[in-house]
Protein backbone atom coordinates (compact mmCIF):
# COMPACT_ATOMS: atom_id res chain seq x y z
CA UNK A 1 -34.40 22.90 4.98
CA UNK A 2 -37.80 21.40 4.20
CA UNK A 3 -37.67 18.66 1.54
CA UNK A 4 -39.29 19.90 -1.68
CA UNK A 5 -42.64 18.55 -2.77
CA UNK A 6 -41.02 17.41 -6.03
CA UNK A 7 -38.37 15.44 -4.12
CA UNK A 8 -40.98 13.74 -1.95
CA UNK A 9 -43.13 12.91 -4.97
CA UNK A 10 -40.09 11.49 -6.77
CA UNK A 11 -39.28 9.32 -3.75
CA UNK A 12 -42.86 8.14 -3.50
CA UNK A 13 -42.88 7.26 -7.20
CA UNK A 14 -39.65 5.33 -6.79
CA UNK A 15 -41.01 3.36 -3.83
CA UNK A 16 -44.33 2.62 -5.53
CA UNK A 17 -42.63 1.53 -8.73
CA UNK A 18 -40.20 -0.81 -6.99
CA UNK A 19 -42.37 -3.98 -6.77
CA UNK A 20 -43.15 -3.93 -10.48
CA UNK A 21 -39.51 -3.32 -11.34
CA UNK A 22 -38.38 -6.19 -9.13
CA UNK A 23 -40.90 -8.54 -10.67
CA UNK A 24 -39.57 -7.74 -14.13
CA UNK A 25 -35.83 -7.90 -13.44
CA UNK A 26 -35.40 -10.38 -10.57
CA UNK A 27 -34.25 -13.91 -11.26
CA UNK A 28 -35.35 -17.03 -9.38
CA UNK A 29 -32.29 -19.12 -8.50
CA UNK A 30 -33.79 -21.75 -6.18
CA UNK A 31 -37.09 -23.01 -4.76
CA UNK A 32 -37.99 -24.57 -1.43
CA UNK A 33 -41.36 -26.31 -1.29
CA UNK A 34 -42.24 -24.27 -4.36
CA UNK A 35 -41.33 -20.92 -2.74
CA UNK A 36 -38.87 -18.95 -4.90
CA UNK A 37 -35.51 -17.60 -3.78
CA UNK A 38 -34.36 -14.72 -5.96
CA UNK A 39 -31.15 -12.86 -6.72
CA UNK A 40 -32.65 -9.81 -5.03
CA UNK A 41 -33.20 -11.79 -1.83
CA UNK A 42 -29.64 -13.10 -1.98
CA UNK A 43 -28.33 -9.53 -2.21
CA UNK A 44 -30.52 -8.37 0.69
CA UNK A 45 -29.59 -11.34 2.86
CA UNK A 46 -25.88 -10.86 2.11
CA UNK A 47 -26.16 -7.25 3.24
CA UNK A 48 -28.18 -8.20 6.32
CA UNK A 49 -25.84 -10.98 7.43
CA UNK A 50 -22.86 -8.63 7.18
CA UNK A 51 -20.15 -9.64 9.66
CA UNK A 52 -21.53 -13.16 9.98
CA UNK A 53 -20.20 -13.80 6.48
CA UNK A 54 -16.85 -12.11 7.04
CA UNK A 55 -15.08 -15.34 7.98
CA UNK A 56 -16.73 -17.42 5.25
CA UNK A 57 -14.50 -18.06 2.18
CA UNK A 58 -15.67 -16.13 -0.87
CA UNK A 59 -16.33 -19.33 -2.83
CA UNK A 60 -18.78 -20.53 -0.14
CA UNK A 61 -20.61 -17.28 0.61
CA UNK A 62 -23.33 -17.68 -2.00
CA UNK A 63 -24.13 -21.23 -0.87
CA UNK A 64 -24.21 -20.08 2.77
CA UNK A 65 -26.63 -17.26 1.93
CA UNK A 66 -28.92 -19.53 -0.10
CA UNK A 67 -28.89 -22.07 2.75
CA UNK A 68 -29.85 -19.28 5.15
CA UNK A 69 -32.71 -18.21 2.85
CA UNK A 70 -33.95 -21.81 2.66
CA UNK A 71 -34.18 -21.90 6.46
CA UNK A 72 -35.79 -18.47 6.46
CA UNK A 73 -38.48 -19.50 3.98
CA UNK A 74 -39.21 -22.75 5.84
CA UNK A 75 -39.34 -20.99 9.22
CA UNK A 76 -41.49 -18.14 7.91
CA UNK A 77 -43.97 -20.61 6.35
CA UNK A 78 -44.15 -22.58 9.60
CA UNK A 79 -44.78 -19.37 11.53
CA UNK A 80 -47.48 -18.31 9.09
CA UNK A 81 -49.17 -21.74 9.39
CA UNK A 82 -49.09 -21.27 13.19
CA UNK A 83 -50.93 -17.95 12.64
CA UNK A 84 -48.15 -16.02 14.36
CA UNK A 85 -48.50 -13.27 11.78
CA UNK A 86 -52.01 -12.49 12.98
CA UNK A 87 -51.12 -11.45 16.52
CA UNK A 88 -50.97 -7.77 17.60
CA UNK A 89 -47.31 -8.05 18.55
CA UNK A 90 -46.38 -9.23 15.06
CA UNK A 91 -48.46 -6.51 13.42
CA UNK A 92 -46.75 -3.85 15.55
CA UNK A 93 -43.31 -5.34 14.86
CA UNK A 94 -44.03 -5.44 11.11
CA UNK A 95 -45.15 -1.80 11.12
CA UNK A 96 -42.06 -0.77 13.09
CA UNK A 97 -39.71 -2.57 10.70
CA UNK A 98 -41.49 -1.11 7.68
CA UNK A 99 -40.98 2.40 9.08
CA UNK A 100 -37.35 1.63 9.81
CA UNK A 101 -36.62 0.30 6.32
CA UNK A 102 -38.37 3.28 4.74
CA UNK A 103 -36.35 5.71 6.86
CA UNK A 104 -33.09 3.89 6.15
CA UNK A 105 -33.75 3.97 2.41
CA UNK A 106 -34.78 7.63 2.50
CA UNK A 107 -31.66 8.66 4.44
CA UNK A 108 -29.47 6.62 2.11
CA UNK A 109 -31.03 8.45 -0.83
CA UNK A 110 -30.41 11.86 0.78
CA UNK A 111 -26.83 10.87 1.64
CA UNK A 112 -26.14 9.79 -1.93
CA UNK A 113 -27.45 13.09 -3.26
CA UNK A 114 -25.23 15.07 -0.87
CA UNK A 115 -21.94 13.17 -1.29
CA UNK A 116 -21.25 14.17 -4.89
CA UNK A 117 -17.70 14.51 -6.24
CA UNK A 118 -18.33 18.26 -6.65
CA UNK A 119 -19.49 18.69 -3.04
CA UNK A 120 -16.55 16.68 -1.74
CA UNK A 121 -14.01 18.73 -3.72
CA UNK A 122 -15.60 22.02 -2.60
CA UNK A 123 -15.49 21.00 1.07
CA UNK A 124 -11.86 19.93 0.66
CA UNK A 125 -10.87 23.23 -0.99
CA UNK A 126 -12.78 25.34 1.56
CA UNK A 127 -11.17 23.45 4.44
CA UNK A 128 -7.68 23.94 3.03
CA UNK A 129 -8.28 27.69 2.69
CA UNK A 130 -9.21 27.90 6.37
CA UNK A 131 -6.20 25.92 7.60
CA UNK A 132 -3.17 27.67 9.06
CA UNK A 133 0.02 25.97 7.82
CA UNK A 134 1.59 23.96 10.65
CA UNK A 135 5.36 24.01 11.09
CA UNK A 136 7.29 20.78 11.51
CA UNK A 137 10.95 20.09 12.20
CA UNK A 138 13.16 17.11 11.50
CA UNK A 139 15.59 16.55 14.38
CA UNK A 140 17.93 14.11 16.07
CA UNK A 141 18.62 13.84 19.77
CA UNK A 142 20.87 12.09 22.25
CA UNK A 143 19.22 11.17 25.55
CA UNK A 144 21.30 10.61 28.71
CA UNK A 145 20.45 10.41 32.40
CA UNK A 146 22.66 13.10 33.96
CA UNK A 147 23.43 16.72 33.11
CA UNK A 148 27.18 16.04 33.30
CA UNK A 149 26.79 13.32 30.66
CA UNK A 150 24.83 15.70 28.42
CA UNK A 151 27.53 18.36 28.73
CA UNK A 152 30.18 15.80 27.83
CA UNK A 153 28.15 14.81 24.76
CA UNK A 154 27.82 18.46 23.73
CA UNK A 155 31.60 18.91 23.99
CA UNK A 156 32.29 15.90 21.79
CA UNK A 157 29.91 17.27 19.16
CA UNK A 158 31.52 20.72 19.27
CA UNK A 159 34.86 19.04 18.50
CA UNK A 160 33.33 17.67 15.29
CA UNK A 161 32.26 14.12 16.15
CA UNK A 162 29.42 12.75 14.05
CA UNK A 163 26.06 13.23 15.79
CA UNK A 164 24.55 9.96 14.54
CA UNK A 165 27.53 7.91 15.70
CA UNK A 166 27.53 9.49 19.17
CA UNK A 167 23.77 8.92 19.42
CA UNK A 168 24.12 5.25 18.47
CA UNK A 169 26.85 4.90 21.11
CA UNK A 170 25.32 6.79 24.06
CA UNK A 171 21.62 7.57 23.63
CA UNK A 172 19.25 5.90 26.09
CA UNK A 173 16.25 6.41 23.80
CA UNK A 174 15.29 2.84 22.75
CA UNK A 175 13.38 4.11 19.73
CA UNK A 176 15.78 6.54 18.10
CA UNK A 177 19.17 5.57 19.53
CA UNK A 178 19.90 2.84 17.01
CA UNK A 179 18.77 5.19 14.23
CA UNK A 180 21.44 7.76 15.03
CA UNK A 181 19.02 9.71 17.21
CA UNK A 182 16.64 10.43 14.32
CA UNK A 183 13.12 11.48 15.37
CA UNK A 184 11.88 12.23 11.86
CA UNK A 185 9.38 15.03 11.26
CA UNK A 186 7.23 16.25 14.15
CA UNK A 187 5.14 19.23 15.23
CA UNK A 188 5.44 21.02 18.57
CA UNK A 189 2.41 19.27 20.02
CA UNK A 190 3.98 15.83 19.62
CA UNK A 191 6.85 16.50 22.02
CA UNK A 192 7.06 17.50 25.68
CA UNK A 193 7.16 21.32 26.03
CA UNK A 194 10.82 21.68 27.11
CA UNK A 195 12.06 19.55 24.22
CA UNK A 196 9.78 21.16 21.63
CA UNK A 197 10.68 24.68 22.72
CA UNK A 198 14.40 24.01 22.36
CA UNK A 199 14.10 22.12 19.05
CA UNK A 200 11.97 24.76 17.33
CA UNK A 201 14.38 27.56 18.32
CA UNK A 202 17.32 25.94 16.50
CA UNK A 203 18.54 26.83 13.04
CA UNK A 204 19.14 24.13 10.46
CA UNK A 205 22.33 22.20 11.38
CA UNK A 206 22.54 23.78 14.86
CA UNK A 207 23.07 21.69 18.02
CA UNK A 208 21.41 22.68 21.30
CA UNK A 209 22.84 23.02 24.76
CA UNK A 210 21.69 20.24 27.15
CA UNK A 211 17.91 20.34 27.70
CA UNK A 212 16.15 18.71 30.67
CA UNK A 213 12.78 16.96 30.36
CA UNK A 214 10.89 14.32 32.33
CA UNK A 215 12.84 11.66 30.39
CA UNK A 216 16.33 12.92 31.18
CA UNK A 217 18.82 15.23 29.46
CA UNK A 218 18.78 15.82 25.70
CA UNK A 219 21.20 17.22 23.18
CA UNK A 220 19.29 18.10 19.99
CA UNK A 221 20.38 18.72 16.41
CA UNK A 222 17.96 20.33 13.93
CA UNK A 223 18.12 18.66 10.52
CA UNK A 224 15.44 20.69 8.69
CA UNK A 225 12.12 22.53 9.01
CA UNK A 226 9.06 22.81 6.78
CA UNK A 227 5.35 23.54 6.63
CA UNK A 228 3.48 20.28 7.26
CA UNK A 229 2.36 18.81 3.90
CA UNK A 230 -1.39 18.87 3.40
CA UNK A 231 -3.14 15.63 2.42
CA UNK A 232 -4.08 15.06 -1.21
CA UNK A 233 -7.78 15.08 -2.06
CA UNK A 234 -7.82 11.38 -3.02
CA UNK A 235 -6.32 10.43 0.36
CA UNK A 236 -9.12 12.00 2.39
CA UNK A 237 -12.06 11.66 -0.03
CA UNK A 238 -13.53 8.60 1.77
CA UNK A 239 -13.63 10.57 5.05
CA UNK A 240 -15.11 13.61 3.30
CA UNK A 241 -17.82 11.48 1.68
CA UNK A 242 -18.63 9.93 5.05
CA UNK A 243 -18.90 13.40 6.64
CA UNK A 244 -21.18 14.68 3.85
CA UNK A 245 -23.41 11.62 4.10
CA UNK A 246 -23.77 11.84 7.88
CA UNK A 247 -24.40 15.59 7.76
CA UNK A 248 -27.04 15.17 5.07
CA UNK A 249 -28.81 12.50 7.11
CA UNK A 250 -28.64 14.58 10.29
CA UNK A 251 -29.92 17.69 8.47
CA UNK A 252 -32.76 15.67 6.96
CA UNK A 253 -33.93 14.42 10.35
CA UNK A 254 -33.65 17.89 11.92
CA UNK A 255 -35.65 19.42 9.06
CA UNK A 256 -38.38 16.78 9.41
CA UNK A 257 -38.56 17.41 13.16
CA UNK A 258 -38.64 21.17 12.71
CA UNK A 259 -41.67 20.96 10.44
CA UNK A 260 -43.52 18.35 12.51
CA UNK A 261 -46.11 18.71 15.25
CA UNK A 262 -44.84 16.46 18.05
CA UNK A 263 -47.08 15.67 21.02
CA UNK A 264 -46.01 13.77 24.14
CA UNK A 265 -49.19 12.21 25.54
CA UNK A 266 -47.24 10.34 28.22
CA UNK A 267 -46.20 13.59 29.90
CA UNK A 268 -48.32 16.30 31.53
CA UNK A 269 -48.72 19.45 29.48
CA UNK A 270 -46.61 22.36 30.72
CA UNK A 271 -48.49 24.80 32.92
CA UNK A 272 -49.43 28.02 31.14
CA UNK A 273 -47.24 30.96 31.99
CA UNK A 274 -49.11 33.56 34.04
CA UNK A 275 -49.11 37.04 32.51
CA UNK A 276 -47.11 39.66 34.36
CA UNK A 277 -49.39 41.55 36.79
CA UNK A 278 -49.09 45.20 37.70
CA UNK A 279 -45.95 45.92 39.63
CA UNK A 280 -46.31 47.08 43.20
CA UNK A 281 -44.90 50.49 43.99
């Protein structure tokens, strides 16, 4: 969708008004050779340094940033005195970085407009409506190496021995054996096909016949089954916001491209397509 003229004018007004606003609200916190360092610059530098400050204790971060800005001001002044800012490479680099900052700010603005609480809740509700409830089961198993061992286990269980105790005694599964064979809740896709097929066919409280898989022989008891609980909105809202922001930025770029005239002067123009001539009989 093409950005509205009103939206573009509003953005332009915001960008043009920014210098005056900064001059009125910014606070000078330090000077180096008379050059001011402001709160706004501290905020920008903190954002720019990012991970470099991650290991710095919170109490020292502000001093580290101001120290960095002191070096930046001194270095920039020395570069200006050396007339580095007058070269064509610097001019091109400055123009490139200006374009990049403008684009970053514009995309951030579009992302913020898209990721509203209302939009996030609507996407969440629409996604839930489209989801098919997924079945899960809660099961225990006893894993042994040989079929004869599995049959012996099944016989002991049929005589009334406690499943969890037999699992703790005999199961070769290092993860669940000590927990009485408990595997917790799982969906079909989480288990190997032979095991999943057998487990999901059981009724609550039922014990399977021995089942072979790539890991050995299993005897399975179904504890319960349910539809997999869906996440709460608050749990997934950060991911939804991120999706809305990225989609808004992508849509913005695609819309700008769609309405632009793009010429590649470094590539030959495509040859014109010849009109279809009369067909020969």
